[in-house]
Amino acid sequence: MTTPVQPTNTNTHISNDFGKLLEPGLRKIFFETYAEVPEQFSKIYNVNTSTKSREIDYGLGAFGDWVERTSELSEVDYEKISAGDERLYVHKAYTKGFMVGRELYDDEQYSQIKKFPAAMARAGRAFVEKEAATPIHDAFLNARPIYDGSALFANDHKLVDSTGKGSNLITGALSDANLKLAMQCMRETVDEAGNLISASPKKLVVPPSLEFVAKEIVNSTLKSGTNYNDANTVKGALDVVVWDYMGAASGGSDTAWFIMDPAIAQLNFFWRVRPEFKHDEDFDTFVAKYRGYMRFSYGVSDWRGVVGSLGGTASAKAVIKKPAAAATTVELTTCVNGANLALYINGKKVASATASATTHSFTDLPAVATGDVIYCVQTEKDKVPTESAAVTV
């Protein structure tokens, strides 16, 4: 009797073939879709490639004034630069995927299948932009400090080799006058010893809500906001960058704006692994799996090179009642009915709510401990957020 031919990988179209058949086309769609909209965050960040699990920036102080040599025998004045704060970038990994059943493929629904990688690519691109915008969303909050313990935009940046303070914060809505104040503030930026560093703004970064105001200010022949024939002295001085993910629609602000000197600004983004698209297949279920993967980090290594304003009218300031150690409730007063409240403990947002009275209690929180620092940010409708005074448990 002749032995029946046994199925093998070489003579049978097994399920692996179907996943591999789809993969090249879906990969092409993924990367073409990912690149169809130009990156925005790379106009703000220094984009780097990393080969390590983390990146570390070390700050340094600065030399003070040179000392006059009073005689031919005077010795050189040697000075030691102080060590600065450490800036740590830890790369995090992010994934997303989808699965395709064999029957969907058999029924020739490729036109439907090819929508999946396109949607996943758009979601990946949007996620990167949203993540990169986070330091700007939090840039005016002491509850979310940068390496020196102050908000990114603040008037109390400590200087390593000086008793003075550095400032890159102004107040007020975007206007011709306030833009000039911001430009002056940047010109007055100092190093760690309090010496001017000759910063010069080149970009004006705004959310979509301020696009046309910004372009009018920097592109008009005559001075914006007046009925006089004064020349526009900032015409052409700055490039307007409209960052969609800076606005309220993405969790940011429609009134905040900032200027930057790209040669000095240290908003850094590190790609450890750029977006990739891979496939695999389950032999028994005939399901093809496709997944995306990327790994990156971002942050701030220096407050210099950017000057910002929150713009708009400030919300009322909530007041935190100091909780006892081990408490799981934090009580607030001076709330505004309808305002959004966000509670931060040790730099991390732990709760949010909408105020329904002049007082509010955040309950069922992780137990606070001695030394914990608590802030509350209150945002009224059509006003900019206002941070409470810090309370240390």
Protein backbone atom coordinates (compact mmCIF):
# COMPACT_ATOMS: atom_id res chain seq x y z
CA MET A 1 0.00 0.00 0.00
CA THR A 2 1.26 3.46 -0.88
CA THR A 3 1.80 5.78 2.07
CA PRO A 4 -0.29 8.97 1.76
CA VAL A 5 1.64 12.16 1.18
CA GLN A 6 2.03 13.95 4.47
CA PRO A 7 1.54 17.75 4.68
CA THR A 8 4.73 19.71 5.25
CA ASN A 9 5.77 23.34 5.25
CA THR A 10 7.05 22.91 1.70
CA ASN A 11 3.91 21.46 0.15
CA THR A 12 1.13 23.14 2.06
CA HIS A 13 -0.01 26.76 2.21
CA ILE A 14 -0.07 27.03 5.96
CA SER A 15 -1.35 30.04 7.87
CA ASN A 16 2.12 31.62 8.06
CA ASP A 17 1.85 32.46 4.37
CA PHE A 18 -1.15 34.71 4.91
CA GLY A 19 0.48 36.84 7.59
CA LYS A 20 3.66 37.26 5.56
CA LEU A 21 1.66 38.15 2.46
CA LEU A 22 -0.02 41.04 4.24
CA GLU A 23 3.02 42.32 6.15
CA PRO A 24 4.91 44.25 3.39
CA GLY A 25 1.86 46.19 2.28
CA LEU A 26 0.75 47.00 5.81
CA ARG A 27 4.28 48.03 6.76
CA LYS A 28 4.36 50.42 3.79
CA ILE A 29 1.03 51.92 4.80
CA PHE A 30 2.21 52.32 8.41
CA PHE A 31 5.35 54.27 7.60
CA GLU A 32 3.79 56.33 4.81
CA THR A 33 0.96 57.35 7.15
CA TYR A 34 3.34 58.08 10.03
CA ALA A 35 5.23 60.51 7.80
CA GLU A 36 2.24 62.10 6.07
CA VAL A 37 2.02 64.97 8.59
CA PRO A 38 5.27 66.86 9.32
CA GLU A 39 6.57 66.60 12.87
CA GLN A 40 5.88 69.62 15.03
CA PHE A 41 7.79 68.82 18.23
CA SER A 42 11.09 68.68 16.35
CA LYS A 43 10.74 72.42 15.67
CA ILE A 44 10.92 72.93 19.43
CA TYR A 45 13.16 70.12 20.67
CA ASN A 46 16.73 69.14 20.03
CA VAL A 47 16.09 65.63 18.68
CA ASN A 48 18.87 63.13 19.43
CA THR A 49 19.53 59.41 19.06
CA SER A 50 20.53 57.41 22.13
CA THR A 51 22.28 54.03 22.33
CA LYS A 52 21.94 53.66 26.12
CA SER A 53 19.16 52.92 28.59
CA ARG A 54 19.31 56.49 29.84
CA GLU A 55 20.99 59.81 29.13
CA ILE A 56 22.43 62.12 31.79
CA ASP A 57 23.21 65.82 31.46
CA TYR A 58 25.42 67.37 34.11
CA GLY A 59 25.12 71.07 34.77
CA LEU A 60 28.08 73.27 35.52
CA GLY A 61 28.49 76.60 37.24
CA ALA A 62 30.24 79.53 35.57
CA PHE A 63 33.34 81.64 36.06
CA GLY A 64 32.95 85.01 37.70
CA ASP A 65 34.62 88.24 36.59
CA TRP A 66 38.28 88.26 35.66
CA VAL A 67 40.59 89.79 38.23
CA GLU A 68 42.89 92.69 37.45
CA ARG A 69 46.60 91.92 37.59
CA THR A 70 47.90 94.66 39.86
CA SER A 71 51.64 94.00 39.46
CA GLU A 72 54.11 91.99 37.45
CA LEU A 73 54.32 89.53 40.34
CA SER A 74 50.58 89.05 40.77
CA GLU A 75 49.51 85.42 40.61
CA VAL A 76 46.75 84.09 38.38
CA ASP A 77 43.35 83.96 40.06
CA TYR A 78 42.36 80.30 39.73
CA GLU A 79 38.71 79.53 40.28
CA LYS A 80 36.84 76.24 40.54
CA ILE A 81 33.56 75.91 38.68
CA SER A 82 30.81 74.51 40.88
CA ALA A 83 28.99 71.32 39.99
CA GLY A 84 25.42 71.78 38.81
CA ASP A 85 22.30 69.64 39.05
CA GLU A 86 21.92 66.34 37.24
CA ARG A 87 19.37 66.03 34.43
CA LEU A 88 18.25 62.44 33.89
CA TYR A 89 16.48 61.09 30.80
CA VAL A 90 15.11 57.54 31.19
CA HIS A 91 13.79 56.01 27.96
CA LYS A 92 10.33 54.46 28.18
CA ALA A 93 8.94 51.92 25.73
CA TYR A 94 5.50 52.20 24.11
CA THR A 95 3.54 49.69 22.04
CA LYS A 96 0.30 49.27 20.13
CA GLY A 97 -0.94 46.46 17.91
CA PHE A 98 -3.84 44.84 16.09
CA MET A 99 -4.78 41.33 14.97
CA VAL A 100 -6.33 40.13 11.71
CA GLY A 101 -8.36 36.91 11.46
CA ARG A 102 -7.90 34.49 8.57
CA GLU A 103 -11.50 34.77 7.43
CA LEU A 104 -11.24 38.53 7.08
CA TYR A 105 -8.34 37.98 4.72
CA ASP A 106 -10.03 35.08 2.89
CA ASP A 107 -13.07 37.25 2.20
CA GLU A 108 -10.83 39.75 0.44
CA GLN A 109 -11.37 42.57 2.90
CA TYR A 110 -7.91 43.99 2.31
CA SER A 111 -9.33 47.46 1.77
CA GLN A 112 -10.60 47.26 5.33
CA ILE A 113 -7.44 45.67 6.72
CA LYS A 114 -5.17 48.36 5.34
CA LYS A 115 -6.96 50.99 7.44
CA PHE A 116 -5.59 49.39 10.61
CA PRO A 117 -1.89 50.30 10.23
CA ALA A 118 -2.83 53.77 9.04
CA ALA A 119 -4.90 54.34 12.16
CA MET A 120 -2.17 52.90 14.37
CA ALA A 121 0.46 55.13 12.75
CA ARG A 122 -1.64 58.27 13.25
CA ALA A 123 -2.20 57.32 16.88
CA GLY A 124 1.55 56.80 17.33
CA ARG A 125 2.42 60.15 15.78
CA ALA A 126 -0.18 61.94 17.93
CA PHE A 127 1.08 60.18 21.06
CA VAL A 128 4.66 61.36 20.51
CA GLU A 129 3.48 64.93 19.98
CA LYS A 130 1.29 64.83 23.10
CA GLU A 131 4.10 63.44 25.22
CA ALA A 132 6.57 66.04 23.91
CA ALA A 133 4.11 68.83 24.74
CA THR A 134 3.83 67.75 28.39
CA PRO A 135 6.75 69.87 29.68
CA ILE A 136 5.13 72.94 28.09
CA HIS A 137 1.70 72.12 29.52
CA ASP A 138 3.34 71.96 32.97
CA ALA A 139 5.87 74.73 32.33
CA PHE A 140 4.31 77.29 34.71
CA LEU A 141 3.71 74.92 37.63
CA ASN A 142 6.00 74.71 40.64
CA ALA A 143 4.18 71.44 41.27
CA ARG A 144 6.01 70.09 38.20
CA PRO A 145 9.51 71.51 38.69
CA ILE A 146 12.51 71.02 36.43
CA TYR A 147 15.98 70.06 37.66
CA ASP A 148 16.53 73.25 39.72
CA GLY A 149 13.31 72.98 41.75
CA SER A 150 11.46 75.75 39.91
CA ALA A 151 8.92 75.66 37.10
CA LEU A 152 10.38 75.80 33.59
CA PHE A 153 9.09 79.37 33.28
CA ALA A 154 9.87 81.12 36.57
CA ASN A 155 11.49 84.22 38.02
CA ASP A 156 13.38 82.42 40.78
CA HIS A 157 15.80 80.06 39.06
CA LYS A 158 18.71 79.51 41.42
CA LEU A 159 22.20 80.27 40.12
CA VAL A 160 24.99 77.89 41.14
CA ASP A 161 27.72 80.53 41.41
CA SER A 162 25.68 83.59 42.33
CA THR A 163 23.28 84.70 45.04
CA GLY A 164 21.05 86.20 42.36
CA LYS A 165 18.13 84.58 40.57
CA GLY A 166 17.46 83.89 36.91
CA SER A 167 14.15 84.73 35.22
CA ASN A 168 12.44 83.60 32.03
CA LEU A 169 8.86 84.43 33.01
CA ILE A 170 6.69 87.37 32.04
CA THR A 171 2.95 87.96 32.42
CA GLY A 172 0.26 89.07 30.05
CA ALA A 173 -1.48 88.08 26.84
CA LEU A 174 0.38 87.96 23.53
CA SER A 175 0.66 91.51 22.24
CA ASP A 176 3.23 93.76 20.63
CA ALA A 177 4.16 95.28 24.00
CA ASN A 178 4.36 91.97 25.87
CA LEU A 179 6.35 90.33 23.10
CA LYS A 180 8.92 93.10 23.40
CA LEU A 181 9.06 92.56 27.17
CA ALA A 182 9.71 88.88 26.55
CA MET A 183 12.47 89.69 24.06
CA GLN A 184 14.05 92.04 26.60
CA CYS A 185 13.80 89.34 29.29
CA MET A 186 15.66 86.92 27.04
CA ARG A 187 18.36 89.49 26.33
CA GLU A 188 18.82 89.76 30.10
CA THR A 189 19.32 86.02 30.60
CA VAL A 190 22.31 85.25 32.81
CA ASP A 191 24.62 82.29 33.31
CA GLU A 192 25.26 80.53 36.64
CA ALA A 193 27.54 83.36 37.77
CA GLY A 194 25.05 86.10 36.87
CA ASN A 195 26.75 87.20 33.63
CA LEU A 196 24.74 87.97 30.50
CA ILE A 197 24.88 85.23 27.88
CA SER A 198 23.65 87.22 24.84
CA ALA A 199 20.56 85.12 24.15
CA SER A 200 18.58 86.29 21.13
CA PRO A 201 15.08 84.97 20.33
CA LYS A 202 14.44 83.49 16.89
CA LYS A 203 11.06 81.74 17.29
CA LEU A 204 7.65 82.64 18.69
CA VAL A 205 5.79 79.45 19.66
CA VAL A 206 2.01 79.59 20.04
CA PRO A 207 -1.06 77.32 20.18
CA PRO A 208 -3.50 77.40 17.22
CA SER A 209 -5.71 79.94 19.01
CA LEU A 210 -2.93 82.54 18.83
CA GLU A 211 -1.70 81.79 15.30
CA PHE A 212 -3.14 84.85 13.61
CA VAL A 213 -2.38 87.20 16.49
CA ALA A 214 1.23 86.06 16.38
CA LYS A 215 1.53 86.40 12.61
CA GLU A 216 -0.04 89.85 12.69
CA ILE A 217 2.41 91.04 15.33
CA VAL A 218 5.57 89.81 13.60
CA ASN A 219 4.55 90.22 9.95
CA SER A 220 2.63 93.51 9.80
CA THR A 221 4.40 96.48 8.25
CA LEU A 222 2.90 98.81 10.86
CA LYS A 223 2.79 98.30 14.60
CA SER A 224 0.08 95.84 15.64
CA GLY A 225 -2.84 96.99 17.82
CA THR A 226 -2.63 100.75 17.16
CA ASN A 227 -4.23 103.28 14.81
CA TYR A 228 -0.95 105.10 14.30
CA ASN A 229 1.54 104.75 11.49
CA ASP A 230 4.35 103.56 13.76
CA ALA A 231 6.72 101.13 12.10
CA ASN A 232 6.55 97.54 13.33
CA THR A 233 9.97 97.16 14.94
CA VAL A 234 9.60 93.37 15.38
CA LYS A 235 8.65 92.73 11.76
CA GLY A 236 10.50 89.64 10.55
CA ALA A 237 12.41 89.28 13.82
CA LEU A 238 10.82 85.96 14.78
CA ASP A 239 9.56 82.87 13.00
CA VAL A 240 6.08 81.88 14.15
CA VAL A 241 5.76 78.20 15.10
CA VAL A 242 2.19 76.99 15.62
CA TRP A 243 2.23 73.90 17.84
CA ASP A 244 -1.16 72.17 17.69
CA TYR A 245 -0.44 70.09 20.78
CA MET A 246 0.32 73.14 22.91
CA GLY A 247 -3.37 74.17 22.91
CA ALA A 248 -6.28 73.39 25.21
CA ALA A 249 -7.60 70.72 22.82
CA SER A 250 -4.55 68.62 23.74
CA GLY A 251 -4.60 69.39 27.46
CA GLY A 252 -2.56 72.59 27.26
CA SER A 253 -3.47 76.28 27.12
CA ASP A 254 -4.99 78.52 24.46
CA THR A 255 -3.39 81.62 25.98
CA ALA A 256 0.17 80.56 26.82
CA TRP A 257 3.03 81.48 24.47
CA PHE A 258 6.81 81.59 24.53
CA ILE A 259 9.83 82.70 22.55
CA MET A 260 13.01 80.72 22.11
CA ASP A 261 16.61 80.92 20.98
CA PRO A 262 17.22 77.49 19.39
CA ALA A 263 20.98 77.92 19.77
CA ILE A 264 20.64 77.98 23.57
CA ALA A 265 17.35 76.24 24.41
CA GLN A 266 17.76 72.79 25.94
CA LEU A 267 14.43 71.06 25.39
CA ASN A 268 15.76 67.61 24.53
CA PHE A 269 14.14 64.56 22.96
CA PHE A 270 15.97 61.23 22.71
CA TRP A 271 14.96 58.43 20.37
CA ARG A 272 16.19 55.11 21.74
CA VAL A 273 14.14 53.14 19.21
CA ARG A 274 12.28 54.93 16.45
CA PRO A 275 8.82 53.59 15.52
CA GLU A 276 8.97 50.08 14.06
CA PHE A 277 6.33 47.77 12.57
CA LYS A 278 6.55 43.97 12.97
CA HIS A 279 4.31 40.96 12.45
CA ASP A 280 3.84 37.47 13.85
CA GLU A 281 1.20 34.78 13.54
CA ASP A 282 -0.53 32.26 15.78
CA PHE A 283 -0.41 28.85 14.12
CA ASP A 284 -3.49 27.36 15.79
CA THR A 285 -5.89 30.30 15.60
CA PHE A 286 -4.88 31.60 12.14
CA VAL A 287 -4.61 35.09 13.57
CA ALA A 288 -1.97 37.45 12.24
CA LYS A 289 -0.59 39.94 14.75
CA TYR A 290 0.93 43.31 13.89
CA ARG A 291 2.52 45.59 16.41
CA GLY A 292 4.29 48.88 16.65
CA TYR A 293 7.06 49.68 19.12
CA MET A 294 9.02 52.78 20.03
CA ARG A 295 11.15 53.97 22.91
CA PHE A 296 12.07 57.53 23.81
CA SER A 297 12.55 60.14 26.51
CA TYR A 298 12.29 63.92 26.72
CA GLY A 299 12.83 66.76 29.14
CA VAL A 300 14.59 70.00 29.98
CA SER A 301 18.32 70.43 30.60
CA ASP A 302 18.31 74.24 30.96
CA TRP A 303 15.71 76.96 31.47
CA ARG A 304 17.73 79.39 29.39
CA GLY A 305 16.82 80.02 25.77
CA VAL A 306 13.06 80.20 26.39
CA VAL A 307 10.89 82.95 27.87
CA GLY A 308 7.17 82.38 28.35
CA SER A 309 3.88 83.84 29.53
CA LEU A 310 0.77 82.02 30.63
CA GLY A 311 -1.32 84.86 29.18
CA GLY A 312 -4.91 85.63 30.09
CA THR A 313 -6.59 86.39 33.42
CA ALA A 314 -5.54 84.36 36.44
CA SER A 315 -7.97 82.06 38.22
CA ALA A 316 -8.56 82.36 41.95
CA LYS A 317 -5.99 80.61 44.14
CA ALA A 318 -7.24 77.62 46.12
CA VAL A 319 -5.95 77.12 49.65
CA ILE A 320 -4.87 73.72 50.97
CA LYS A 321 -5.54 72.75 54.57
CA LYS A 322 -2.43 71.02 55.83
CA PRO A 323 -3.19 67.32 56.32
CA ALA A 324 -1.66 65.18 59.03
CA ALA A 325 0.81 62.44 58.15
CA ALA A 326 -0.95 59.24 57.00
CA ALA A 327 -4.08 61.17 55.98
CA THR A 328 -5.87 60.03 52.82
CA THR A 329 -7.93 63.20 52.43
CA VAL A 330 -6.82 66.69 51.37
CA GLU A 331 -9.22 69.57 51.94
CA LEU A 332 -9.35 72.81 49.93
CA THR A 333 -10.94 76.20 50.51
CA THR A 334 -11.37 79.27 48.26
CA CYS A 335 -12.54 77.08 45.40
CA VAL A 336 -14.68 78.49 42.59
CA ASN A 337 -17.84 76.65 41.66
CA GLY A 338 -17.31 74.95 38.29
CA ALA A 339 -13.52 75.36 38.28
CA ASN A 340 -11.25 72.44 37.47
CA LEU A 341 -9.04 71.31 40.35
CA ALA A 342 -5.86 69.27 40.01
CA LEU A 343 -3.96 67.94 43.04
CA TYR A 344 -0.22 67.27 42.91
CA ILE A 345 1.85 65.44 45.52
CA ASN A 346 5.63 65.44 45.12
CA GLY A 347 5.39 66.55 41.52
CA LYS A 348 2.87 63.89 40.47
CA LYS A 349 -0.75 64.58 39.60
CA VAL A 350 -2.77 62.29 41.86
CA ALA A 351 -6.35 63.52 41.48
CA SER A 352 -8.60 65.96 39.62
CA ALA A 353 -12.15 67.16 40.08
CA THR A 354 -14.63 69.92 39.31
CA ALA A 355 -15.45 72.19 42.24
CA SER A 356 -19.13 72.34 43.14
CA ALA A 357 -18.74 74.74 46.09
CA THR A 358 -16.18 77.01 47.72
CA THR A 359 -14.69 74.00 49.48
CA HIS A 360 -13.64 70.61 48.15
CA SER A 361 -12.19 67.41 49.59
CA PHE A 362 -10.03 64.97 47.68
CA THR A 363 -10.64 61.60 49.32
CA ASP A 364 -9.28 58.06 49.01
CA LEU A 365 -5.81 59.33 48.20
CA PRO A 366 -2.60 57.43 48.86
CA ALA A 367 -1.63 58.17 52.45
CA VAL A 368 0.55 61.26 52.65
CA ALA A 369 3.82 61.12 54.54
CA THR A 370 5.89 63.61 56.48
CA GLY A 371 7.81 65.76 54.02
CA ASP A 372 5.37 65.33 51.13
CA VAL A 373 4.82 68.55 49.16
CA ILE A 374 1.27 69.28 48.01
CA TYR A 375 0.01 71.76 45.42
CA CYS A 376 -3.42 72.41 43.94
CA VAL A 377 -4.00 74.05 40.55
CA GLN A 378 -7.36 75.74 40.01
CA THR A 379 -8.58 76.65 36.52
CA GLU A 380 -11.71 78.72 36.05
CA LYS A 381 -13.60 78.91 32.77
CA ASP A 382 -11.91 81.30 30.31
CA LYS A 383 -9.07 81.96 32.78
CA VAL A 384 -5.55 80.61 33.13
CA PRO A 385 -4.58 78.12 35.85
CA THR A 386 -3.40 79.40 39.22
CA GLU A 387 -1.28 77.36 41.59
CA SER A 388 -1.81 77.28 45.34
CA ALA A 389 0.93 77.88 47.82
CA ALA A 390 2.88 74.72 48.55
CA VAL A 391 1.98 72.79 51.71
CA THR A 392 4.52 70.44 53.24
CA VAL A 393 3.13 67.67 55.43
